[in-house]
Amino acid sequence: MPNGLEITKAAIDDFNDIQEYMLLAKKENAAETYAKLKKKYLSLKAILTVAGVNLTDIDEIKE
């Protein structure tokens, strides 16, 4: 069973991946894809915020 640190690391990795995909979708003008990714981004952002992760340096999207 993963511990809290492993879960947080996995969430941060997912958060970084989602941001990368969002930036690509925005660049390619894929509005529907971007909107879907934004939902996941906001969920991960909320989880990381509750977990006490400082998103200042890792949040590239800033939405």
PDB file of N, CA and C in Angstrom:
ATOM      1  N   MET A   1       0.851  -1.182   0.000  1.00  0.00           N
ATOM      2  CA  MET A   1       0.000   0.000   0.000  1.00  0.00           C
ATOM      3  C   MET A   1       0.893   1.241   0.000  1.00  0.00           C
ATOM      4  N   PRO A   2       0.641   2.173  -0.917  1.00  0.00           N
ATOM      5  CA  PRO A   2       1.493   3.369  -0.982  1.00  0.00           C
ATOM      6  C   PRO A   2       1.270   4.289   0.220  1.00  0.00           C
ATOM      7  N   ASN A   3       2.350   4.947   0.625  1.00  0.00           N
ATOM      8  CA  ASN A   3       2.230   5.898   1.729  1.00  0.00           C
ATOM      9  C   ASN A   3       1.869   7.276   1.184  1.00  0.00           C
ATOM     10  N   GLY A   4       1.668   8.233   2.089  1.00  0.00           N
ATOM     11  CA  GLY A   4       1.253   9.577   1.688  1.00  0.00           C
ATOM     12  C   GLY A   4       2.213  10.254   0.742  1.00  0.00           C
ATOM     13  N   LEU A   5       3.509  10.064   0.969  1.00  0.00           N
ATOM     14  CA  LEU A   5       4.509  10.694   0.108  1.00  0.00           C
ATOM     15  C   LEU A   5       4.452  10.132  -1.307  1.00  0.00           C
ATOM     16  N   GLU A   6       4.258   8.830  -1.436  1.00  0.00           N
ATOM     17  CA  GLU A   6       4.158   8.213  -2.768  1.00  0.00           C
ATOM     18  C   GLU A   6       2.905   8.683  -3.502  1.00  0.00           C
ATOM     19  N   ILE A   7       1.823   8.827  -2.764  1.00  0.00           N
ATOM     20  CA  ILE A   7       0.583   9.299  -3.362  1.00  0.00           C
ATOM     21  C   ILE A   7       0.745  10.750  -3.827  1.00  0.00           C
ATOM     22  N   THR A   8       1.376  11.577  -2.997  1.00  0.00           N
ATOM     23  CA  THR A   8       1.598  12.974  -3.355  1.00  0.00           C
ATOM     24  C   THR A   8       2.501  13.084  -4.569  1.00  0.00           C
ATOM     25  N   LYS A   9       3.566  12.289  -4.620  1.00  0.00           N
ATOM     26  CA  LYS A   9       4.473  12.313  -5.770  1.00  0.00           C
ATOM     27  C   LYS A   9       3.729  11.923  -7.044  1.00  0.00           C
ATOM     28  N   ALA A  10       2.895  10.903  -6.964  1.00  0.00           N
ATOM     29  CA  ALA A  10       2.128  10.471  -8.133  1.00  0.00           C
ATOM     30  C   ALA A  10       1.184  11.594  -8.590  1.00  0.00           C
ATOM     31  N   ALA A  11       0.563  12.280  -7.641  1.00  0.00           N
ATOM     32  CA  ALA A  11      -0.340  13.385  -7.998  1.00  0.00           C
ATOM     33  C   ALA A  11       0.425  14.532  -8.639  1.00  0.00           C
ATOM     34  N   ILE A  12       1.605  14.840  -8.130  1.00  0.00           N
ATOM     35  CA  ILE A  12       2.430  15.897  -8.722  1.00  0.00           C
ATOM     36  C   ILE A  12       2.852  15.505 -10.140  1.00  0.00           C
ATOM     37  N   ASP A  13       3.243  14.262 -10.322  1.00  0.00           N
ATOM     38  CA  ASP A  13       3.620  13.791 -11.659  1.00  0.00           C
ATOM     39  C   ASP A  13       2.428  13.906 -12.623  1.00  0.00           C
ATOM     40  N   ASP A  14       1.246  13.492 -12.163  1.00  0.00           N
ATOM     41  CA  ASP A  14       0.045  13.609 -12.988  1.00  0.00           C
ATOM     42  C   ASP A  14      -0.259  15.073 -13.301  1.00  0.00           C
ATOM     43  N   PHE A  15      -0.098  15.937 -12.303  1.00  0.00           N
ATOM     44  CA  PHE A  15      -0.347  17.374 -12.470  1.00  0.00           C
ATOM     45  C   PHE A  15       0.574  17.951 -13.547  1.00  0.00           C
ATOM     46  N   ASN A  16       1.832  17.588 -13.491  1.00  0.00           N
ATOM     47  CA  ASN A  16       2.791  18.061 -14.496  1.00  0.00           C
ATOM     48  C   ASN A  16       2.445  17.536 -15.897  1.00  0.00           C
ATOM     49  N   ASP A  17       2.053  16.269 -15.976  1.00  0.00           N
ATOM     50  CA  ASP A  17       1.670  15.690 -17.264  1.00  0.00           C
ATOM     51  C   ASP A  17       0.450  16.403 -17.850  1.00  0.00           C
ATOM     52  N   ILE A  18      -0.564  16.622 -17.017  1.00  0.00           N
ATOM     53  CA  ILE A  18      -1.785  17.285 -17.476  1.00  0.00           C
ATOM     54  C   ILE A  18      -1.467  18.679 -18.003  1.00  0.00           C
ATOM     55  N   GLN A  19      -0.607  19.397 -17.295  1.00  0.00           N
ATOM     56  CA  GLN A  19      -0.249  20.743 -17.753  1.00  0.00           C
ATOM     57  C   GLN A  19       0.432  20.703 -19.123  1.00  0.00           C
ATOM     58  N   GLU A  20       1.302  19.733 -19.302  1.00  0.00           N
ATOM     59  CA  GLU A  20       1.983  19.600 -20.595  1.00  0.00           C
ATOM     60  C   GLU A  20       0.970  19.342 -21.705  1.00  0.00           C
ATOM     61  N   TYR A  21       0.022  18.441 -21.452  1.00  0.00           N
ATOM     62  CA  TYR A  21      -1.011  18.136 -22.449  1.00  0.00           C
ATOM     63  C   TYR A  21      -1.907  19.348 -22.700  1.00  0.00           C
ATOM     64  N   MET A  22      -2.216  20.116 -21.642  1.00  0.00           N
ATOM     65  CA  MET A  22      -3.040  21.312 -21.808  1.00  0.00           C
ATOM     66  C   MET A  22      -2.345  22.331 -22.701  1.00  0.00           C
ATOM     67  N   LEU A  23      -1.057  22.525 -22.483  1.00  0.00           N
ATOM     68  CA  LEU A  23      -0.308  23.478 -23.298  1.00  0.00           C
ATOM     69  C   LEU A  23      -0.273  23.043 -24.760  1.00  0.00           C
ATOM     70  N   LEU A  24      -0.123  21.740 -24.986  1.00  0.00           N
ATOM     71  CA  LEU A  24      -0.151  21.230 -26.365  1.00  0.00           C
ATOM     72  C   LEU A  24      -1.527  21.408 -26.993  1.00  0.00           C
ATOM     73  N   ALA A  25      -2.582  21.109 -26.243  1.00  0.00           N
ATOM     74  CA  ALA A  25      -3.941  21.243 -26.764  1.00  0.00           C
ATOM     75  C   ALA A  25      -4.248  22.700 -27.087  1.00  0.00           C
ATOM     76  N   LYS A  26      -3.787  23.608 -26.235  1.00  0.00           N
ATOM     77  CA  LYS A  26      -4.018  25.029 -26.478  1.00  0.00           C
ATOM     78  C   LYS A  26      -3.277  25.477 -27.739  1.00  0.00           C
ATOM     79  N   LYS A  27      -2.045  25.006 -27.889  1.00  0.00           N
ATOM     80  CA  LYS A  27      -1.229  25.360 -29.059  1.00  0.00           C
ATOM     81  C   LYS A  27      -1.869  24.849 -30.350  1.00  0.00           C
ATOM     82  N   GLU A  28      -2.470  23.656 -30.277  1.00  0.00           N
ATOM     83  CA  GLU A  28      -3.096  23.055 -31.444  1.00  0.00           C
ATOM     84  C   GLU A  28      -4.547  23.504 -31.623  1.00  0.00           C
ATOM     85  N   ASN A  29      -4.998  24.409 -30.752  1.00  0.00           N
ATOM     86  CA  ASN A  29      -6.363  24.929 -30.786  1.00  0.00           C
ATOM     87  C   ASN A  29      -7.399  23.814 -30.686  1.00  0.00           C
ATOM     88  N   ALA A  30      -7.150  22.876 -29.790  1.00  0.00           N
ATOM     89  CA  ALA A  30      -8.062  21.755 -29.551  1.00  0.00           C
ATOM     90  C   ALA A  30      -8.893  22.063 -28.306  1.00  0.00           C
ATOM     91  N   ALA A  31      -9.901  22.892 -28.488  1.00  0.00           N
ATOM     92  CA  ALA A  31     -10.686  23.420 -27.366  1.00  0.00           C
ATOM     93  C   ALA A  31     -11.369  22.324 -26.552  1.00  0.00           C
ATOM     94  N   GLU A  32     -11.924  21.331 -27.200  1.00  0.00           N
ATOM     95  CA  GLU A  32     -12.616  20.259 -26.481  1.00  0.00           C
ATOM     96  C   GLU A  32     -11.637  19.453 -25.634  1.00  0.00           C
ATOM     97  N   THR A  33     -10.494  19.145 -26.189  1.00  0.00           N
ATOM     98  CA  THR A  33      -9.457  18.421 -25.448  1.00  0.00           C
ATOM     99  C   THR A  33      -8.963  19.254 -24.280  1.00  0.00           C
ATOM    100  N   TYR A  34      -8.739  20.524 -24.518  1.00  0.00           N
ATOM    101  CA  TYR A  34      -8.270  21.427 -23.461  1.00  0.00           C
ATOM    102  C   TYR A  34      -9.283  21.482 -22.317  1.00  0.00           C
ATOM    103  N   ALA A  35     -10.560  21.572 -22.638  1.00  0.00           N
ATOM    104  CA  ALA A  35     -11.600  21.645 -21.612  1.00  0.00           C
ATOM    105  C   ALA A  35     -11.626  20.377 -20.762  1.00  0.00           C
ATOM    106  N   LYS A  36     -11.475  19.238 -21.402  1.00  0.00           N
ATOM    107  CA  LYS A  36     -11.453  17.956 -20.674  1.00  0.00           C
ATOM    108  C   LYS A  36     -10.230  17.894 -19.759  1.00  0.00           C
ATOM    109  N   LEU A  37      -9.081  18.289 -20.276  1.00  0.00           N
ATOM    110  CA  LEU A  37      -7.861  18.289 -19.472  1.00  0.00           C
ATOM    111  C   LEU A  37      -7.956  19.282 -18.316  1.00  0.00           C
ATOM    112  N   LYS A  38      -8.634  20.400 -18.545  1.00  0.00           N
ATOM    113  CA  LYS A  38      -8.768  21.419 -17.504  1.00  0.00           C
ATOM    114  C   LYS A  38      -9.530  20.877 -16.302  1.00  0.00           C
ATOM    115  N   LYS A  39     -10.539  20.036 -16.535  1.00  0.00           N
ATOM    116  CA  LYS A  39     -11.271  19.418 -15.425  1.00  0.00           C
ATOM    117  C   LYS A  39     -10.328  18.578 -14.564  1.00  0.00           C
ATOM    118  N   LYS A  40      -9.505  17.781 -15.212  1.00  0.00           N
ATOM    119  CA  LYS A  40      -8.547  16.937 -14.486  1.00  0.00           C
ATOM    120  C   LYS A  40      -7.519  17.813 -13.769  1.00  0.00           C
ATOM    121  N   TYR A  41      -7.068  18.852 -14.437  1.00  0.00           N
ATOM    122  CA  TYR A  41      -6.107  19.797 -13.860  1.00  0.00           C
ATOM    123  C   TYR A  41      -6.660  20.414 -12.578  1.00  0.00           C
ATOM    124  N   LEU A  42      -7.901  20.879 -12.622  1.00  0.00           N
ATOM    125  CA  LEU A  42      -8.496  21.512 -11.450  1.00  0.00           C
ATOM    126  C   LEU A  42      -8.670  20.518 -10.300  1.00  0.00           C
ATOM    127  N   SER A  43      -9.023  19.283 -10.622  1.00  0.00           N
ATOM    128  CA  SER A  43      -9.150  18.254  -9.583  1.00  0.00           C
ATOM    129  C   SER A  43      -7.808  17.969  -8.923  1.00  0.00           C
ATOM    130  N   LEU A  44      -6.788  17.795  -9.741  1.00  0.00           N
ATOM    131  CA  LEU A  44      -5.448  17.541  -9.193  1.00  0.00           C
ATOM    132  C   LEU A  44      -4.946  18.737  -8.394  1.00  0.00           C
ATOM    133  N   LYS A  45      -5.221  19.933  -8.867  1.00  0.00           N
ATOM    134  CA  LYS A  45      -4.804  21.139  -8.166  1.00  0.00           C
ATOM    135  C   LYS A  45      -5.465  21.208  -6.787  1.00  0.00           C
ATOM    136  N   ALA A  46      -6.731  20.875  -6.721  1.00  0.00           N
ATOM    137  CA  ALA A  46      -7.446  20.874  -5.445  1.00  0.00           C
ATOM    138  C   ALA A  46      -6.858  19.837  -4.490  1.00  0.00           C
ATOM    139  N   ILE A  47      -6.593  18.648  -4.991  1.00  0.00           N
ATOM    140  CA  ILE A  47      -6.021  17.586  -4.151  1.00  0.00           C
ATOM    141  C   ILE A  47      -4.657  18.000  -3.613  1.00  0.00           C
ATOM    142  N   LEU A  48      -3.820  18.538  -4.491  1.00  0.00           N
ATOM    143  CA  LEU A  48      -2.480  18.945  -4.065  1.00  0.00           C
ATOM    144  C   LEU A  48      -2.533  20.110  -3.076  1.00  0.00           C
ATOM    145  N   THR A  49      -3.469  21.013  -3.263  1.00  0.00           N
ATOM    146  CA  THR A  49      -3.619  22.132  -2.340  1.00  0.00           C
ATOM    147  C   THR A  49      -4.026  21.627  -0.957  1.00  0.00           C
ATOM    148  N   VAL A  50      -4.983  20.719  -0.908  1.00  0.00           N
ATOM    149  CA  VAL A  50      -5.417  20.140   0.365  1.00  0.00           C
ATOM    150  C   VAL A  50      -4.269  19.371   1.023  1.00  0.00           C
ATOM    151  N   ALA A  51      -3.422  18.745   0.203  1.00  0.00           N
ATOM    152  CA  ALA A  51      -2.280  17.993   0.727  1.00  0.00           C
ATOM    153  C   ALA A  51      -1.150  18.902   1.201  1.00  0.00           C
ATOM    154  N   GLY A  52      -1.308  20.208   0.975  1.00  0.00           N
ATOM    155  CA  GLY A  52      -0.305  21.158   1.448  1.00  0.00           C
ATOM    156  C   GLY A  52       0.860  21.381   0.500  1.00  0.00           C
ATOM    157  N   VAL A  53       0.709  20.978  -0.760  1.00  0.00           N
ATOM    158  CA  VAL A  53       1.774  21.156  -1.746  1.00  0.00           C
ATOM    159  C   VAL A  53       1.748  22.604  -2.246  1.00  0.00           C
ATOM    160  N   ASN A  54       2.895  23.255  -2.219  1.00  0.00           N
ATOM    161  CA  ASN A  54       3.025  24.611  -2.730  1.00  0.00           C
ATOM    162  C   ASN A  54       3.129  24.532  -4.254  1.00  0.00           C
ATOM    163  N   LEU A  55       2.120  25.051  -4.924  1.00  0.00           N
ATOM    164  CA  LEU A  55       2.055  24.941  -6.390  1.00  0.00           C
ATOM    165  C   LEU A  55       2.709  26.114  -7.112  1.00  0.00           C
ATOM    166  N   THR A  56       3.229  27.063  -6.372  1.00  0.00           N
ATOM    167  CA  THR A  56       3.782  28.276  -6.973  1.00  0.00           C
ATOM    168  C   THR A  56       4.778  27.983  -8.081  1.00  0.00           C
ATOM    169  N   ASP A  57       5.696  27.085  -7.858  1.00  0.00           N
ATOM    170  CA  ASP A  57       6.752  26.825  -8.844  1.00  0.00           C
ATOM    171  C   ASP A  57       6.362  25.798  -9.895  1.00  0.00           C
ATOM    172  N   ILE A  58       5.375  24.969  -9.609  1.00  0.00           N
ATOM    173  CA  ILE A  58       5.063  23.894 -10.579  1.00  0.00           C
ATOM    174  C   ILE A  58       3.809  24.154 -11.395  1.00  0.00           C
ATOM    175  N   ASP A  59       3.014  25.162 -11.039  1.00  0.00           N
ATOM    176  CA  ASP A  59       1.792  25.436 -11.782  1.00  0.00           C
ATOM    177  C   ASP A  59       2.097  26.366 -12.952  1.00  0.00           C
ATOM    178  N   GLU A  60       2.166  25.792 -14.158  1.00  0.00           N
ATOM    179  CA  GLU A  60       2.474  26.569 -15.354  1.00  0.00           C
ATOM    180  C   GLU A  60       1.226  27.195 -15.962  1.00  0.00           C
ATOM    181  N   ILE A  61       0.073  26.634 -15.681  1.00  0.00           N
ATOM    182  CA  ILE A  61      -1.162  27.092 -16.307  1.00  0.00           C
ATOM    183  C   ILE A  61      -1.750  28.288 -15.565  1.00  0.00           C
ATOM    184  N   LYS A  62      -1.725  28.267 -14.247  1.00  0.00           N
ATOM    185  CA  LYS A  62      -2.174  29.366 -13.378  1.00  0.00           C
ATOM    186  C   LYS A  62      -3.642  29.728 -13.599  1.00  0.00           C
ATOM    187  N   GLU A  63      -4.500  28.721 -13.724  1.00  0.00           N
ATOM    188  CA  GLU A  63      -5.951  28.969 -13.873  1.00  0.00           C
ATOM    189  C   GLU A  63      -6.661  28.602 -12.605  1.00  0.00           C
TER     190      GLU A  63
END
